[in-house]
All heavy atoms as atom14 arrays in JSON, in Angstrom:
{
  "sequence": "LLITNANALGWMLSALSRTIRERRTRLSQLGPRRLARIPGRGEVAILI",
  "atom14_mask": [
    [1, 1, 1, 1, 1, 1, 1, 1, 0, 0, 0, 0, 0, 0],
    [1, 1, 1, 1, 1, 1, 1, 1, 0, 0, 0, 0, 0, 0],
    [1, 1, 1, 1, 1, 1, 1, 1, 0, 0, 0, 0, 0, 0],
    [1, 1, 1, 1, 1, 1, 1, 0, 0, 0, 0, 0, 0, 0],
    [1, 1, 1, 1, 1, 1, 1, 1, 0, 0, 0, 0, 0, 0],
    [1, 1, 1, 1, 1, 0, 0, 0, 0, 0, 0, 0, 0, 0],
    [1, 1, 1, 1, 1, 1, 1, 1, 0, 0, 0, 0, 0, 0],
    [1, 1, 1, 1, 1, 0, 0, 0, 0, 0, 0, 0, 0, 0],
    [1, 1, 1, 1, 1, 1, 1, 1, 0, 0, 0, 0, 0, 0],
    [1, 1, 1, 1, 0, 0, 0, 0, 0, 0, 0, 0, 0, 0],
    [1, 1, 1, 1, 1, 1, 1, 1, 1, 1, 1, 1, 1, 1],
    [1, 1, 1, 1, 1, 1, 1, 1, 0, 0, 0, 0, 0, 0],
    [1, 1, 1, 1, 1, 1, 1, 1, 0, 0, 0, 0, 0, 0],
    [1, 1, 1, 1, 1, 1, 0, 0, 0, 0, 0, 0, 0, 0],
    [1, 1, 1, 1, 1, 0, 0, 0, 0, 0, 0, 0, 0, 0],
    [1, 1, 1, 1, 1, 1, 1, 1, 0, 0, 0, 0, 0, 0],
    [1, 1, 1, 1, 1, 1, 0, 0, 0, 0, 0, 0, 0, 0],
    [1, 1, 1, 1, 1, 1, 1, 1, 1, 1, 1, 0, 0, 0],
    [1, 1, 1, 1, 1, 1, 1, 0, 0, 0, 0, 0, 0, 0],
    [1, 1, 1, 1, 1, 1, 1, 1, 0, 0, 0, 0, 0, 0],
    [1, 1, 1, 1, 1, 1, 1, 1, 1, 1, 1, 0, 0, 0],
    [1, 1, 1, 1, 1, 1, 1, 1, 1, 0, 0, 0, 0, 0],
    [1, 1, 1, 1, 1, 1, 1, 1, 1, 1, 1, 0, 0, 0],
    [1, 1, 1, 1, 1, 1, 1, 1, 1, 1, 1, 0, 0, 0],
    [1, 1, 1, 1, 1, 1, 1, 0, 0, 0, 0, 0, 0, 0],
    [1, 1, 1, 1, 1, 1, 1, 1, 1, 1, 1, 0, 0, 0],
    [1, 1, 1, 1, 1, 1, 1, 1, 0, 0, 0, 0, 0, 0],
    [1, 1, 1, 1, 1, 1, 0, 0, 0, 0, 0, 0, 0, 0],
    [1, 1, 1, 1, 1, 1, 1, 1, 1, 0, 0, 0, 0, 0],
    [1, 1, 1, 1, 1, 1, 1, 1, 0, 0, 0, 0, 0, 0],
    [1, 1, 1, 1, 0, 0, 0, 0, 0, 0, 0, 0, 0, 0],
    [1, 1, 1, 1, 1, 1, 1, 0, 0, 0, 0, 0, 0, 0],
    [1, 1, 1, 1, 1, 1, 1, 1, 1, 1, 1, 0, 0, 0],
    [1, 1, 1, 1, 1, 1, 1, 1, 1, 1, 1, 0, 0, 0],
    [1, 1, 1, 1, 1, 1, 1, 1, 0, 0, 0, 0, 0, 0],
    [1, 1, 1, 1, 1, 0, 0, 0, 0, 0, 0, 0, 0, 0],
    [1, 1, 1, 1, 1, 1, 1, 1, 1, 1, 1, 0, 0, 0],
    [1, 1, 1, 1, 1, 1, 1, 1, 0, 0, 0, 0, 0, 0],
    [1, 1, 1, 1, 1, 1, 1, 0, 0, 0, 0, 0, 0, 0],
    [1, 1, 1, 1, 0, 0, 0, 0, 0, 0, 0, 0, 0, 0],
    [1, 1, 1, 1, 1, 1, 1, 1, 1, 1, 1, 0, 0, 0],
    [1, 1, 1, 1, 0, 0, 0, 0, 0, 0, 0, 0, 0, 0],
    [1, 1, 1, 1, 1, 1, 1, 1, 1, 0, 0, 0, 0, 0],
    [1, 1, 1, 1, 1, 1, 1, 0, 0, 0, 0, 0, 0, 0],
    [1, 1, 1, 1, 1, 0, 0, 0, 0, 0, 0, 0, 0, 0],
    [1, 1, 1, 1, 1, 1, 1, 1, 0, 0, 0, 0, 0, 0],
    [1, 1, 1, 1, 1, 1, 1, 1, 0, 0, 0, 0, 0, 0],
    [1, 1, 1, 1, 1, 1, 1, 1, 0, 0, 0, 0, 0, 0]
  ],
  "atom14_positions": [
    [[42.54, 14.9, 14.29], [43.02, 15.34, 12.98], [42.38, 14.53, 11.86], [42.01, 15.07, 10.81], [44.55, 15.23, 12.92], [45.33, 16.24, 13.76], [46.82, 15.91, 13.72], [45.09, 17.66, 13.28], [0.0, 0.0, 0.0], [0.0, 0.0, 0.0], [0.0, 0.0, 0.0], [0.0, 0.0, 0.0], [0.0, 0.0, 0.0], [0.0, 0.0, 0.0]],
    [[42.24, 13.23, 12.09], [41.65, 12.37, 11.07], [40.18, 12.71, 10.86], [39.71, 12.83, 9.73], [41.79, 10.9, 11.46], [41.23, 9.88, 10.46], [41.94, 10.0, 9.12], [41.36, 8.47, 11.01], [0.0, 0.0, 0.0], [0.0, 0.0, 0.0], [0.0, 0.0, 0.0], [0.0, 0.0, 0.0], [0.0, 0.0, 0.0], [0.0, 0.0, 0.0]],
    [[39.45, 12.89, 11.97], [38.02, 13.18, 11.88], [37.78, 14.54, 11.2], [36.93, 14.66, 10.32], [37.37, 13.15, 13.29], [37.4, 11.73, 13.83], [35.95, 13.69, 13.22], [36.96, 11.64, 15.27], [0.0, 0.0, 0.0], [0.0, 0.0, 0.0], [0.0, 0.0, 0.0], [0.0, 0.0, 0.0], [0.0, 0.0, 0.0], [0.0, 0.0, 0.0]],
    [[38.53, 15.54, 11.63], [38.29, 16.88, 11.13], [38.87, 17.12, 9.73], [38.52, 18.11, 9.1], [38.9, 17.94, 12.07], [40.3, 17.68, 12.23], [38.23, 17.88, 13.43], [0.0, 0.0, 0.0], [0.0, 0.0, 0.0], [0.0, 0.0, 0.0], [0.0, 0.0, 0.0], [0.0, 0.0, 0.0], [0.0, 0.0, 0.0], [0.0, 0.0, 0.0]],
    [[39.69, 16.21, 9.25], [40.28, 16.41, 7.93], [39.98, 15.27, 6.96], [40.59, 15.2, 5.9], [41.8, 16.56, 8.05], [42.21, 17.85, 8.74], [42.19, 18.92, 8.13], [42.54, 17.76, 10.02], [0.0, 0.0, 0.0], [0.0, 0.0, 0.0], [0.0, 0.0, 0.0], [0.0, 0.0, 0.0], [0.0, 0.0, 0.0], [0.0, 0.0, 0.0]],
    [[39.03, 14.42, 7.31], [38.71, 13.3, 6.44], [38.22, 13.77, 5.08], [38.61, 13.24, 4.04], [37.65, 12.4, 7.12], [0.0, 0.0, 0.0], [0.0, 0.0, 0.0], [0.0, 0.0, 0.0], [0.0, 0.0, 0.0], [0.0, 0.0, 0.0], [0.0, 0.0, 0.0], [0.0, 0.0, 0.0], [0.0, 0.0, 0.0], [0.0, 0.0, 0.0]],
    [[37.36, 14.77, 5.07], [36.84, 15.31, 3.82], [37.97, 15.9, 2.98], [38.07, 15.65, 1.77], [35.78, 16.38, 4.12], [35.17, 16.94, 2.86], [34.43, 16.28, 2.14], [35.47, 18.22, 2.59], [0.0, 0.0, 0.0], [0.0, 0.0, 0.0], [0.0, 0.0, 0.0], [0.0, 0.0, 0.0], [0.0, 0.0, 0.0], [0.0, 0.0, 0.0]],
    [[38.85, 16.68, 3.63], [39.97, 17.29, 2.9], [40.91, 16.22, 2.35], [41.39, 16.34, 1.22], [40.74, 18.23, 3.83], [0.0, 0.0, 0.0], [0.0, 0.0, 0.0], [0.0, 0.0, 0.0], [0.0, 0.0, 0.0], [0.0, 0.0, 0.0], [0.0, 0.0, 0.0], [0.0, 0.0, 0.0], [0.0, 0.0, 0.0], [0.0, 0.0, 0.0]],
    [[41.15, 15.18, 3.14], [42.03, 14.11, 2.65], [41.44, 13.43, 1.42], [42.16, 13.06, 0.49], [42.24, 13.08, 3.77], [43.12, 13.54, 4.94], [43.1, 12.48, 6.05], [44.53, 13.79, 4.49], [0.0, 0.0, 0.0], [0.0, 0.0, 0.0], [0.0, 0.0, 0.0], [0.0, 0.0, 0.0], [0.0, 0.0, 0.0], [0.0, 0.0, 0.0]],
    [[40.12, 13.28, 1.42], [39.47, 12.69, 0.25], [39.65, 13.53, -1.0], [39.96, 13.0, -2.07], [0.0, 0.0, 0.0], [0.0, 0.0, 0.0], [0.0, 0.0, 0.0], [0.0, 0.0, 0.0], [0.0, 0.0, 0.0], [0.0, 0.0, 0.0], [0.0, 0.0, 0.0], [0.0, 0.0, 0.0], [0.0, 0.0, 0.0], [0.0, 0.0, 0.0]],
    [[39.52, 14.84, -0.86], [39.71, 15.71, -2.04], [41.17, 15.79, -2.43], [41.5, 15.95, -3.61], [39.16, 17.11, -1.74], [37.66, 17.15, -1.63], [36.93, 17.61, -0.57], [36.72, 16.67, -2.59], [35.59, 17.46, -0.82], [35.44, 16.89, -2.05], [36.85, 16.09, -3.86], [34.27, 16.55, -2.75], [35.68, 15.75, -4.54], [34.42, 15.97, -3.99]],
    [[42.08, 15.66, -1.47], [43.5, 15.62, -1.81], [43.81, 14.39, -2.64], [44.58, 14.46, -3.62], [44.35, 15.63, -0.55], [44.38, 16.97, 0.18], [45.42, 16.89, 1.67], [45.0, 18.46, 2.43], [0.0, 0.0, 0.0], [0.0, 0.0, 0.0], [0.0, 0.0, 0.0], [0.0, 0.0, 0.0], [0.0, 0.0, 0.0], [0.0, 0.0, 0.0]],
    [[43.22, 13.26, -2.27], [43.42, 12.05, -3.06], [42.83, 12.2, -4.45], [43.4, 11.73, -5.45], [42.79, 10.86, -2.34], [43.47, 10.41, -1.04], [42.66, 9.3, -0.37], [44.89, 9.95, -1.31], [0.0, 0.0, 0.0], [0.0, 0.0, 0.0], [0.0, 0.0, 0.0], [0.0, 0.0, 0.0], [0.0, 0.0, 0.0], [0.0, 0.0, 0.0]],
    [[41.69, 12.88, -4.54], [41.1, 13.15, -5.85], [42.01, 14.03, -6.69], [42.21, 13.8, -7.88], [39.73, 13.83, -5.67], [39.17, 14.18, -6.92], [0.0, 0.0, 0.0], [0.0, 0.0, 0.0], [0.0, 0.0, 0.0], [0.0, 0.0, 0.0], [0.0, 0.0, 0.0], [0.0, 0.0, 0.0], [0.0, 0.0, 0.0], [0.0, 0.0, 0.0]],
    [[42.61, 15.04, -6.05], [43.54, 15.93, -6.76], [44.77, 15.16, -7.2], [45.26, 15.35, -8.33], [43.94, 17.09, -5.86], [0.0, 0.0, 0.0], [0.0, 0.0, 0.0], [0.0, 0.0, 0.0], [0.0, 0.0, 0.0], [0.0, 0.0, 0.0], [0.0, 0.0, 0.0], [0.0, 0.0, 0.0], [0.0, 0.0, 0.0], [0.0, 0.0, 0.0]],
    [[45.28, 14.27, -6.34], [46.44, 13.47, -6.72], [46.11, 12.55, -7.9], [46.91, 12.4, -8.82], [46.89, 12.63, -5.51], [48.08, 11.69, -5.75], [49.32, 12.48, -6.15], [48.35, 10.87, -4.49], [0.0, 0.0, 0.0], [0.0, 0.0, 0.0], [0.0, 0.0, 0.0], [0.0, 0.0, 0.0], [0.0, 0.0, 0.0], [0.0, 0.0, 0.0]],
    [[44.93, 11.98, -7.88], [44.51, 11.11, -8.98], [44.45, 11.88, -10.29], [44.9, 11.41, -11.33], [43.15, 10.5, -8.64], [42.65, 9.74, -9.74], [0.0, 0.0, 0.0], [0.0, 0.0, 0.0], [0.0, 0.0, 0.0], [0.0, 0.0, 0.0], [0.0, 0.0, 0.0], [0.0, 0.0, 0.0], [0.0, 0.0, 0.0], [0.0, 0.0, 0.0]],
    [[43.9, 13.1, -10.23], [43.85, 13.94, -11.44], [45.25, 14.27, -11.92], [45.52, 14.25, -13.13], [43.11, 15.25, -11.15], [41.62, 15.15, -11.13], [40.99, 16.53, -11.13], [41.26, 17.25, -12.37], [40.91, 18.51, -12.6], [40.31, 19.21, -11.66], [41.18, 19.08, -13.74], [0.0, 0.0, 0.0], [0.0, 0.0, 0.0], [0.0, 0.0, 0.0]],
    [[46.13, 14.59, -11.01], [47.49, 14.94, -11.38], [48.18, 13.79, -12.11], [48.86, 13.99, -13.11], [48.31, 15.32, -10.14], [47.68, 16.43, -9.48], [49.73, 15.71, -10.51], [0.0, 0.0, 0.0], [0.0, 0.0, 0.0], [0.0, 0.0, 0.0], [0.0, 0.0, 0.0], [0.0, 0.0, 0.0], [0.0, 0.0, 0.0], [0.0, 0.0, 0.0]],
    [[47.99, 12.58, -11.6], [48.61, 11.4, -12.23], [48.04, 11.18, -13.63], [48.77, 10.93, -14.59], [48.39, 10.16, -11.35], [49.17, 10.33, -10.02], [48.83, 8.89, -12.07], [48.9, 9.24, -9.02], [0.0, 0.0, 0.0], [0.0, 0.0, 0.0], [0.0, 0.0, 0.0], [0.0, 0.0, 0.0], [0.0, 0.0, 0.0], [0.0, 0.0, 0.0]],
    [[46.7, 11.31, -13.75], [46.08, 11.09, -15.04], [46.49, 12.12, -16.07], [46.58, 11.84, -17.26], [44.55, 11.11, -14.9], [43.96, 9.95, -14.14], [42.46, 9.83, -14.38], [41.77, 11.11, -14.22], [41.22, 11.52, -13.08], [41.33, 10.77, -11.99], [40.59, 12.68, -13.02], [0.0, 0.0, 0.0], [0.0, 0.0, 0.0], [0.0, 0.0, 0.0]],
    [[46.73, 13.34, -15.6], [46.97, 14.45, -16.52], [48.43, 14.87, -16.57], [48.76, 15.98, -17.02], [46.09, 15.64, -16.11], [44.6, 15.31, -16.13], [43.77, 16.26, -15.31], [44.35, 17.21, -14.74], [42.55, 16.05, -15.21], [0.0, 0.0, 0.0], [0.0, 0.0, 0.0], [0.0, 0.0, 0.0], [0.0, 0.0, 0.0], [0.0, 0.0, 0.0]],
    [[49.32, 14.03, -16.11], [50.73, 14.4, -15.98], [51.39, 14.7, -17.33], [52.43, 15.35, -17.37], [51.51, 13.31, -15.28], [51.57, 11.99, -16.02], [52.22, 10.88, -15.2], [52.34, 9.62, -15.91], [51.36, 8.76, -16.04], [50.18, 9.02, -15.51], [51.55, 7.62, -16.7], [0.0, 0.0, 0.0], [0.0, 0.0, 0.0], [0.0, 0.0, 0.0]],
    [[50.8, 14.23, -18.41], [51.43, 14.44, -19.73], [50.97, 15.73, -20.4], [51.44, 16.03, -21.5], [51.12, 13.25, -20.64], [51.72, 11.94, -20.15], [51.43, 10.82, -21.12], [52.0, 9.55, -20.67], [53.24, 9.18, -20.89], [54.05, 9.99, -21.59], [53.7, 8.04, -20.43], [0.0, 0.0, 0.0], [0.0, 0.0, 0.0], [0.0, 0.0, 0.0]],
    [[50.05, 16.45, -19.8], [49.54, 17.65, -20.44], [49.42, 18.78, -19.44], [49.19, 18.56, -18.26], [48.17, 17.39, -21.1], [47.7, 18.59, -21.68], [47.16, 16.91, -20.09], [0.0, 0.0, 0.0], [0.0, 0.0, 0.0], [0.0, 0.0, 0.0], [0.0, 0.0, 0.0], [0.0, 0.0, 0.0], [0.0, 0.0, 0.0], [0.0, 0.0, 0.0]],
    [[49.53, 20.0, -19.9], [49.43, 21.16, -19.02], [47.97, 21.48, -18.71], [47.63, 21.93, -17.63], [50.08, 22.37, -19.67], [50.06, 23.62, -18.77], [50.92, 24.73, -19.35], [50.95, 25.88, -18.47], [50.11, 26.88, -18.51], [49.14, 26.88, -19.4], [50.22, 27.9, -17.68], [0.0, 0.0, 0.0], [0.0, 0.0, 0.0], [0.0, 0.0, 0.0]],
    [[47.1, 21.27, -19.69], [45.69, 21.56, -19.49], [45.0, 20.35, -18.87], [45.27, 19.21, -19.23], [45.02, 21.92, -20.82], [45.54, 23.21, -21.45], [44.82, 23.48, -22.75], [45.37, 24.39, -20.52], [0.0, 0.0, 0.0], [0.0, 0.0, 0.0], [0.0, 0.0, 0.0], [0.0, 0.0, 0.0], [0.0, 0.0, 0.0], [0.0, 0.0, 0.0]],
    [[44.06, 20.64, -17.98], [43.51, 19.56, -17.17], [42.3, 18.87, -17.75], [41.93, 17.81, -17.3], [43.1, 20.12, -15.8], [42.05, 21.03, -15.94], [0.0, 0.0, 0.0], [0.0, 0.0, 0.0], [0.0, 0.0, 0.0], [0.0, 0.0, 0.0], [0.0, 0.0, 0.0], [0.0, 0.0, 0.0], [0.0, 0.0, 0.0], [0.0, 0.0, 0.0]],
    [[41.65, 19.43, -18.74], [40.38, 18.85, -19.18], [40.45, 18.34, -20.61], [39.43, 18.14, -21.26], [39.27, 19.91, -19.07], [39.14, 20.51, -17.69], [38.6, 19.52, -16.7], [38.08, 18.48, -17.08], [38.74, 19.8, -15.43], [0.0, 0.0, 0.0], [0.0, 0.0, 0.0], [0.0, 0.0, 0.0], [0.0, 0.0, 0.0], [0.0, 0.0, 0.0]],
    [[41.65, 18.14, -21.18], [41.73, 17.63, -22.54], [41.3, 16.17, -22.59], [41.36, 15.43, -21.6], [43.16, 17.78, -23.07], [43.65, 19.22, -23.19], [45.04, 19.25, -23.8], [42.71, 20.09, -23.99], [0.0, 0.0, 0.0], [0.0, 0.0, 0.0], [0.0, 0.0, 0.0], [0.0, 0.0, 0.0], [0.0, 0.0, 0.0], [0.0, 0.0, 0.0]],
    [[40.89, 15.72, -23.74], [40.41, 14.37, -23.89], [39.02, 14.17, -23.34], [38.73, 13.15, -22.73], [0.0, 0.0, 0.0], [0.0, 0.0, 0.0], [0.0, 0.0, 0.0], [0.0, 0.0, 0.0], [0.0, 0.0, 0.0], [0.0, 0.0, 0.0], [0.0, 0.0, 0.0], [0.0, 0.0, 0.0], [0.0, 0.0, 0.0], [0.0, 0.0, 0.0]],
    [[38.07, 15.12, -23.53], [36.73, 14.97, -23.0], [35.91, 13.95, -23.8], [36.27, 13.6, -24.91], [36.14, 16.37, -23.14], [36.86, 16.95, -24.32], [38.24, 16.37, -24.26], [0.0, 0.0, 0.0], [0.0, 0.0, 0.0], [0.0, 0.0, 0.0], [0.0, 0.0, 0.0], [0.0, 0.0, 0.0], [0.0, 0.0, 0.0], [0.0, 0.0, 0.0]],
    [[34.83, 13.56, -23.22], [33.96, 12.61, -23.9], [33.22, 13.27, -25.06], [32.99, 12.65, -26.09], [32.96, 12.04, -22.9], [33.63, 11.26, -21.76], [32.62, 10.89, -20.7], [33.26, 10.26, -19.54], [32.62, 9.97, -18.43], [31.35, 10.22, -18.32], [33.25, 9.4, -17.42], [0.0, 0.0, 0.0], [0.0, 0.0, 0.0], [0.0, 0.0, 0.0]],
    [[32.8, 14.5, -24.88], [32.06, 15.22, -25.92], [32.83, 16.46, -26.29], [32.99, 17.37, -25.48], [30.67, 15.59, -25.4], [29.81, 14.39, -25.0], [28.57, 14.82, -24.26], [27.79, 15.77, -25.02], [26.83, 16.54, -24.49], [26.57, 16.46, -23.22], [26.14, 17.37, -25.24], [0.0, 0.0, 0.0], [0.0, 0.0, 0.0], [0.0, 0.0, 0.0]],
    [[33.32, 16.52, -27.49], [34.15, 17.63, -27.94], [33.3, 18.79, -28.44], [32.24, 18.59, -29.03], [35.11, 17.19, -29.02], [36.2, 16.2, -28.6], [37.03, 15.8, -29.82], [37.08, 16.79, -27.53], [0.0, 0.0, 0.0], [0.0, 0.0, 0.0], [0.0, 0.0, 0.0], [0.0, 0.0, 0.0], [0.0, 0.0, 0.0], [0.0, 0.0, 0.0]],
    [[33.77, 19.99, -28.18], [33.12, 21.19, -28.68], [34.2, 22.11, -29.24], [35.39, 21.96, -28.94], [32.33, 21.89, -27.57], [0.0, 0.0, 0.0], [0.0, 0.0, 0.0], [0.0, 0.0, 0.0], [0.0, 0.0, 0.0], [0.0, 0.0, 0.0], [0.0, 0.0, 0.0], [0.0, 0.0, 0.0], [0.0, 0.0, 0.0], [0.0, 0.0, 0.0]],
    [[33.78, 23.07, -30.01], [34.72, 24.03, -30.57], [35.19, 24.99, -29.48], [34.4, 25.45, -28.65], [34.03, 24.81, -31.7], [34.94, 25.81, -32.42], [34.14, 26.55, -33.48], [33.03, 27.29, -32.89], [33.17, 28.51, -32.36], [34.35, 29.11, -32.33], [32.12, 29.12, -31.85], [0.0, 0.0, 0.0], [0.0, 0.0, 0.0], [0.0, 0.0, 0.0]],
    [[36.49, 25.29, -29.49], [37.02, 26.25, -28.53], [36.58, 27.66, -28.92], [36.79, 28.08, -30.05], [38.56, 26.18, -28.47], [39.02, 24.78, -28.04], [39.11, 27.24, -27.51], [40.52, 24.62, -28.06], [0.0, 0.0, 0.0], [0.0, 0.0, 0.0], [0.0, 0.0, 0.0], [0.0, 0.0, 0.0], [0.0, 0.0, 0.0], [0.0, 0.0, 0.0]],
    [[35.95, 28.41, -28.0], [35.55, 29.78, -28.35], [36.75, 30.65, -28.67], [37.82, 30.51, -28.06], [34.85, 30.26, -27.07], [34.51, 29.02, -26.31], [35.57, 28.03, -26.65], [0.0, 0.0, 0.0], [0.0, 0.0, 0.0], [0.0, 0.0, 0.0], [0.0, 0.0, 0.0], [0.0, 0.0, 0.0], [0.0, 0.0, 0.0], [0.0, 0.0, 0.0]],
    [[36.61, 31.52, -29.66], [37.66, 32.47, -29.98], [37.58, 33.7, -29.08], [36.53, 33.96, -28.45], [0.0, 0.0, 0.0], [0.0, 0.0, 0.0], [0.0, 0.0, 0.0], [0.0, 0.0, 0.0], [0.0, 0.0, 0.0], [0.0, 0.0, 0.0], [0.0, 0.0, 0.0], [0.0, 0.0, 0.0], [0.0, 0.0, 0.0], [0.0, 0.0, 0.0]],
    [[38.65, 34.46, -29.01], [38.65, 35.64, -28.14], [37.6, 36.66, -28.56], [37.07, 37.39, -27.72], [40.04, 36.28, -28.15], [41.12, 35.39, -27.54], [42.41, 36.15, -27.37], [43.47, 35.31, -26.86], [44.45, 35.73, -26.08], [44.51, 37.01, -25.71], [45.39, 34.91, -25.66], [0.0, 0.0, 0.0], [0.0, 0.0, 0.0], [0.0, 0.0, 0.0]],
    [[37.3, 36.72, -29.84], [36.28, 37.64, -30.31], [34.89, 37.29, -29.83], [33.99, 38.13, -29.89], [0.0, 0.0, 0.0], [0.0, 0.0, 0.0], [0.0, 0.0, 0.0], [0.0, 0.0, 0.0], [0.0, 0.0, 0.0], [0.0, 0.0, 0.0], [0.0, 0.0, 0.0], [0.0, 0.0, 0.0], [0.0, 0.0, 0.0], [0.0, 0.0, 0.0]],
    [[34.72, 36.07, -29.36], [33.41, 35.62, -28.86], [33.3, 35.74, -27.35], [32.34, 35.27, -26.75], [33.2, 34.16, -29.25], [33.21, 33.91, -30.75], [33.23, 32.43, -31.07], [34.34, 31.84, -31.08], [32.15, 31.87, -31.29], [0.0, 0.0, 0.0], [0.0, 0.0, 0.0], [0.0, 0.0, 0.0], [0.0, 0.0, 0.0], [0.0, 0.0, 0.0]],
    [[34.28, 36.4, -26.73], [34.31, 36.56, -25.28], [34.07, 38.02, -24.91], [34.76, 38.91, -25.43], [35.64, 36.09, -24.68], [35.68, 36.29, -23.17], [35.91, 34.63, -25.02], [0.0, 0.0, 0.0], [0.0, 0.0, 0.0], [0.0, 0.0, 0.0], [0.0, 0.0, 0.0], [0.0, 0.0, 0.0], [0.0, 0.0, 0.0], [0.0, 0.0, 0.0]],
    [[33.13, 38.27, -24.04], [32.9, 39.6, -23.47], [33.43, 39.61, -22.05], [33.29, 38.63, -21.32], [31.42, 39.95, -23.48], [0.0, 0.0, 0.0], [0.0, 0.0, 0.0], [0.0, 0.0, 0.0], [0.0, 0.0, 0.0], [0.0, 0.0, 0.0], [0.0, 0.0, 0.0], [0.0, 0.0, 0.0], [0.0, 0.0, 0.0], [0.0, 0.0, 0.0]],
    [[34.03, 40.71, -21.66], [34.51, 40.88, -20.27], [33.67, 41.97, -19.62], [33.64, 43.1, -20.1], [36.0, 41.24, -20.23], [36.85, 40.1, -20.81], [36.43, 41.54, -18.79], [38.33, 40.36, -20.8], [0.0, 0.0, 0.0], [0.0, 0.0, 0.0], [0.0, 0.0, 0.0], [0.0, 0.0, 0.0], [0.0, 0.0, 0.0], [0.0, 0.0, 0.0]],
    [[32.97, 41.59, -18.56], [32.09, 42.52, -17.85], [32.68, 42.82, -16.46], [32.88, 41.9, -15.66], [30.7, 41.92, -17.71], [29.68, 42.73, -16.88], [29.49, 44.13, -17.47], [28.34, 41.98, -16.79], [0.0, 0.0, 0.0], [0.0, 0.0, 0.0], [0.0, 0.0, 0.0], [0.0, 0.0, 0.0], [0.0, 0.0, 0.0], [0.0, 0.0, 0.0]],
    [[32.92, 44.09, -16.21], [33.51, 44.54, -14.95], [32.47, 45.32, -14.17], [32.0, 46.36, -14.65], [34.75, 45.43, -15.2], [35.78, 44.71, -16.08], [35.39, 45.85, -13.89], [36.87, 45.61, -16.63], [0.0, 0.0, 0.0], [0.0, 0.0, 0.0], [0.0, 0.0, 0.0], [0.0, 0.0, 0.0], [0.0, 0.0, 0.0], [0.0, 0.0, 0.0]]
  ]
}
C-alpha cells in the first residue's frame, strides 16, 4: 500500500498544505505574486 500509493500520499499532503494556507478564503489562487485584471464576462467566448 505504501509503495503503490506513495505518489498519491505526496499529492494529498500538497492538497492539505494548500487547504491550510487558503482556509480564510473560498478562492484558491488569491494573493498571487503578479496581479492581472480579472477578465469580464463580455471578454469570454464559449465554444461548444
